[in-house]
C-alpha atoms as a PDB file:
ATOM      1  CA  MET A   1     -15.121   2.638  -4.691  1.00  0.00           C
ATOM      2  CA  ALA A   2     -13.399   4.000  -1.736  1.00  0.00           C
ATOM      3  CA  LEU A   3     -13.645   7.861  -1.104  1.00  0.00           C
ATOM      4  CA  ILE A   4     -10.503   9.667   0.092  1.00  0.00           C
ATOM      5  CA  THR A   5     -10.849  13.074   1.631  1.00  0.00           C
ATOM      6  CA  PHE A   6      -7.675  15.322   1.112  1.00  0.00           C
ATOM      7  CA  SER A   7      -7.257  17.935   3.864  1.00  0.00           C
ATOM      8  CA  SER A   8      -4.791  20.830   4.227  1.00  0.00           C
ATOM      9  CA  PRO A   9      -4.935  24.152   6.332  1.00  0.00           C
ATOM     10  CA  MET A  10      -4.233  25.875   3.075  1.00  0.00           C
ATOM     11  CA  HIS A  11      -6.648  24.238   0.878  1.00  0.00           C
ATOM     12  CA  LYS A  12     -10.254  23.262   0.492  1.00  0.00           C
ATOM     13  CA  ASP A  13     -10.956  19.961   1.388  1.00  0.00           C
ATOM     14  CA  LYS A  14     -11.584  17.595  -1.739  1.00  0.00           C
ATOM     15  CA  THR A  15     -12.986  14.354  -1.788  1.00  0.00           C
ATOM     16  CA  VAL A  16     -12.351  11.695  -4.707  1.00  0.00           C
ATOM     17  CA  TYR A  17     -13.018   8.355  -5.541  1.00  0.00           C
ATOM     18  CA  ALA A  18     -10.567   5.558  -5.703  1.00  0.00           C
ATOM     19  CA  VAL A  19     -10.709   2.282  -7.429  1.00  0.00           C
ATOM     20  CA  ALA A  20     -11.121  -0.261  -5.172  1.00  0.00           C
ATOM     21  CA  GLY A  21      -8.926  -3.309  -5.558  1.00  0.00           C
ATOM     22  CA  SER A  22      -6.315  -1.736  -7.826  1.00  0.00           C
ATOM     23  CA  HIS A  23      -3.565  -2.733  -5.445  1.00  0.00           C
ATOM     24  CA  THR A  24      -1.088  -0.279  -6.994  1.00  0.00           C
ATOM     25  CA  GLN A  25      -2.781   2.956  -6.898  1.00  0.00           C
ATOM     26  CA  THR A  26      -1.006   5.097  -4.017  1.00  0.00           C
ATOM     27  CA  ILE A  27      -2.204   8.148  -2.442  1.00  0.00           C
ATOM     28  CA  LEU A  28       0.343  10.112  -4.263  1.00  0.00           C
ATOM     29  CA  ASP A  29      -0.729   8.746  -7.455  1.00  0.00           C
ATOM     30  CA  LEU A  30      -4.487   9.847  -6.619  1.00  0.00           C
ATOM     31  CA  ALA A  31      -3.418  13.284  -5.353  1.00  0.00           C
ATOM     32  CA  LYS A  32      -1.408  13.704  -8.656  1.00  0.00           C
ATOM     33  CA  GLU A  33      -4.307  12.678 -10.858  1.00  0.00           C
ATOM     34  CA  HIS A  34      -6.634  15.042  -9.152  1.00  0.00           C
ATOM     35  CA  HIS A  35      -4.234  18.134  -9.040  1.00  0.00           C
ATOM     36  CA  ILE A  36      -4.113  17.899  -5.237  1.00  0.00           C
ATOM     37  CA  PRO A  37      -0.919  19.690  -4.052  1.00  0.00           C
ATOM     38  CA  ILE A  38       0.955  16.921  -1.881  1.00  0.00           C
ATOM     39  CA  ASP A  39       4.770  17.789  -1.876  1.00  0.00           C
ATOM     40  CA  PHE A  40       6.831  14.780  -2.923  1.00  0.00           C
ATOM     41  CA  GLY A  41      10.499  14.185  -3.770  1.00  0.00           C
ATOM     42  CA  CYS A  42      12.012  10.948  -4.633  1.00  0.00           C
ATOM     43  CA  GLN A  43       8.602   8.825  -4.830  1.00  0.00           C
ATOM     44  CA  GLU A  44      10.316   5.832  -3.694  1.00  0.00           C
ATOM     45  CA  GLY A  45       9.750   6.146  -0.074  1.00  0.00           C
ATOM     46  CA  ASN A  46      13.332   7.338   0.886  1.00  0.00           C
ATOM     47  CA  CYS A  47      12.975  11.150   1.334  1.00  0.00           C
ATOM     48  CA  GLY A  48       9.929  11.570   3.608  1.00  0.00           C
ATOM     49  CA  THR A  49       8.886  14.749   1.660  1.00  0.00           C
ATOM     50  CA  CYS A  50       5.229  12.981   1.076  1.00  0.00           C
ATOM     51  CA  LEU A  51       4.560  12.553   4.871  1.00  0.00           C
ATOM     52  CA  VAL A  52       0.738  12.671   5.397  1.00  0.00           C
ATOM     53  CA  LYS A  53      -1.537  11.869   8.387  1.00  0.00           C
ATOM     54  CA  VAL A  54      -4.196   8.978   7.498  1.00  0.00           C
ATOM     55  CA  SER A  55      -7.174   8.273   9.568  1.00  0.00           C
ATOM     56  CA  SER A  56     -10.595   6.982   9.101  1.00  0.00           C
ATOM     57  CA  VAL A  57     -13.120   9.427   7.930  1.00  0.00           C
ATOM     58  CA  ASP A  58     -15.440   8.896  11.185  1.00  0.00           C
ATOM     59  CA  GLY A  59     -12.143   9.021  13.300  1.00  0.00           C
ATOM     60  CA  LYS A  60     -13.480   6.054  15.256  1.00  0.00           C
ATOM     61  CA  ARG A  61     -11.291   3.306  14.031  1.00  0.00           C
ATOM     62  CA  ARG A  62      -7.770   2.942  12.548  1.00  0.00           C
ATOM     63  CA  PRO A  63      -7.414   2.619   8.720  1.00  0.00           C
ATOM     64  CA  MET A  64      -6.936  -0.778   7.400  1.00  0.00           C
ATOM     65  CA  GLY A  65      -4.042   0.105   5.036  1.00  0.00           C
ATOM     66  CA  GLY A  66      -1.245  -2.475   4.573  1.00  0.00           C
ATOM     67  CA  PRO A  67       1.505  -2.861   6.898  1.00  0.00           C
ATOM     68  CA  LEU A  68       4.439  -0.278   6.383  1.00  0.00           C
ATOM     69  CA  ASN A  69       7.221  -1.488   3.907  1.00  0.00           C
ATOM     70  CA  VAL A  70      10.737  -1.372   4.764  1.00  0.00           C
ATOM     71  CA  ARG A  71      11.462   2.092   3.218  1.00  0.00           C
ATOM     72  CA  GLU A  72       8.416   3.381   4.894  1.00  0.00           C
ATOM     73  CA  VAL A  73       9.645   1.998   8.204  1.00  0.00           C
ATOM     74  CA  ALA A  74      13.165   3.832   7.734  1.00  0.00           C
ATOM     75  CA  ALA A  75      11.817   6.890   6.894  1.00  0.00           C
ATOM     76  CA  LEU A  76       9.225   7.363   9.539  1.00  0.00           C
ATOM     77  CA  THR A  77      11.846   6.142  12.222  1.00  0.00           C
ATOM     78  CA  GLU A  78      14.265   8.902  10.972  1.00  0.00           C
ATOM     79  CA  LEU A  79      11.330  11.366  11.005  1.00  0.00           C
ATOM     80  CA  GLY A  80      10.458  10.301  14.780  1.00  0.00           C
ATOM     81  CA  HIS A  81       7.025   9.127  13.870  1.00  0.00           C
ATOM     82  CA  ILE A  82       7.405   5.510  14.821  1.00  0.00           C
ATOM     83  CA  THR A  83       9.108   3.674  17.398  1.00  0.00           C
ATOM     84  CA  LYS A  84      10.813   0.199  17.707  1.00  0.00           C
ATOM     85  CA  ALA A  85       7.948  -1.285  19.712  1.00  0.00           C
ATOM     86  CA  GLU A  86       5.448  -0.099  17.402  1.00  0.00           C
ATOM     87  CA  ILE A  87       7.176  -1.633  14.283  1.00  0.00           C
ATOM     88  CA  GLU A  88       7.702  -4.832  16.064  1.00  0.00           C
ATOM     89  CA  GLN A  89       3.815  -4.919  16.941  1.00  0.00           C
ATOM     90  CA  MET A  90       3.164  -3.977  13.492  1.00  0.00           C
ATOM     91  CA  TYR A  91       4.661  -7.258  12.235  1.00  0.00           C
ATOM     92  CA  VAL A  92       2.553  -9.218  14.700  1.00  0.00           C
ATOM     93  CA  ASP A  93      -0.914  -7.326  13.936  1.00  0.00           C
ATOM     94  CA  ASP A  94      -0.325  -6.827  10.275  1.00  0.00           C
ATOM     95  CA  ILE A  95      -1.772  -3.517  10.460  1.00  0.00           C
ATOM     96  CA  PRO A  96       0.020   0.012  10.100  1.00  0.00           C
ATOM     97  CA  PRO A  97       0.724   1.111  13.720  1.00  0.00           C
ATOM     98  CA  THR A  98       0.580   4.717  13.304  1.00  0.00           C
ATOM     99  CA  GLN A  99      -1.364   7.331  11.298  1.00  0.00           C
ATOM    100  CA  TRP A 100       1.597   8.814   9.710  1.00  0.00           C
ATOM    101  CA  ARG A 101       2.282   7.320   6.214  1.00  0.00           C
ATOM    102  CA  LEU A 102       4.294   8.178   3.362  1.00  0.00           C
ATOM    103  CA  ALA A 103       1.925   9.156   0.379  1.00  0.00           C
ATOM    104  CA  CYS A 104       4.124   7.441  -2.468  1.00  0.00           C
ATOM    105  CA  GLN A 105       3.951   4.244  -0.418  1.00  0.00           C
ATOM    106  CA  MET A 106       0.582   3.692   0.901  1.00  0.00           C
ATOM    107  CA  ILE A 107      -1.706   1.758  -1.393  1.00  0.00           C
ATOM    108  CA  VAL A 108      -5.306   2.589  -1.397  1.00  0.00           C
ATOM    109  CA  ARG A 109      -7.429   0.147  -0.105  1.00  0.00           C
ATOM    110  CA  ASP A 110     -11.433  -0.312  -0.017  1.00  0.00           C
ATOM    111  CA  GLU A 111     -12.145   2.089   2.656  1.00  0.00           C
ATOM    112  CA  ASP A 112     -12.912   5.659   2.925  1.00  0.00           C
ATOM    113  CA  ILE A 113     -10.165   7.678   4.475  1.00  0.00           C
ATOM    114  CA  LEU A 114      -9.109  11.252   5.544  1.00  0.00           C
ATOM    115  CA  VAL A 115      -5.526  12.180   4.321  1.00  0.00           C
ATOM    116  CA  GLU A 116      -4.067  15.028   5.869  1.00  0.00           C
ATOM    117  CA  TYR A 117      -1.069  16.815   4.398  1.00  0.00           C
ATOM    118  CA  PRO A 118       0.577  20.206   5.081  1.00  0.00           C
ATOM    119  CA  SER A 119       0.471  22.809   2.374  1.00  0.00           C
ATOM    120  CA  LYS A 120       3.402  23.524   0.135  1.00  0.00           C
END
């Protein structure tokens, strides 16, 4: 099981268990299940409202997380959180090039992560 710690300047940190290997549970699904107030809009990766910063708990390595999908690439590009060069490198490395992710798109993997989100 993975431990996901949600952190916000306006709320106490909360650590929850995520089912490893579900391959369908997003950060937003997990947040909603545990009443963590991550803001969201479309839930399809188009609006960018659910932008979060994801890092490893120990801060020493990048989270594994899967590569960004096309909707996430478009939203993060529009928000200025990813460059064309980073996108191209992502397709070579097969890992996300940035700590910024959309909570509605990032599938939880078997790794302990810190998810930072702004307060509502």
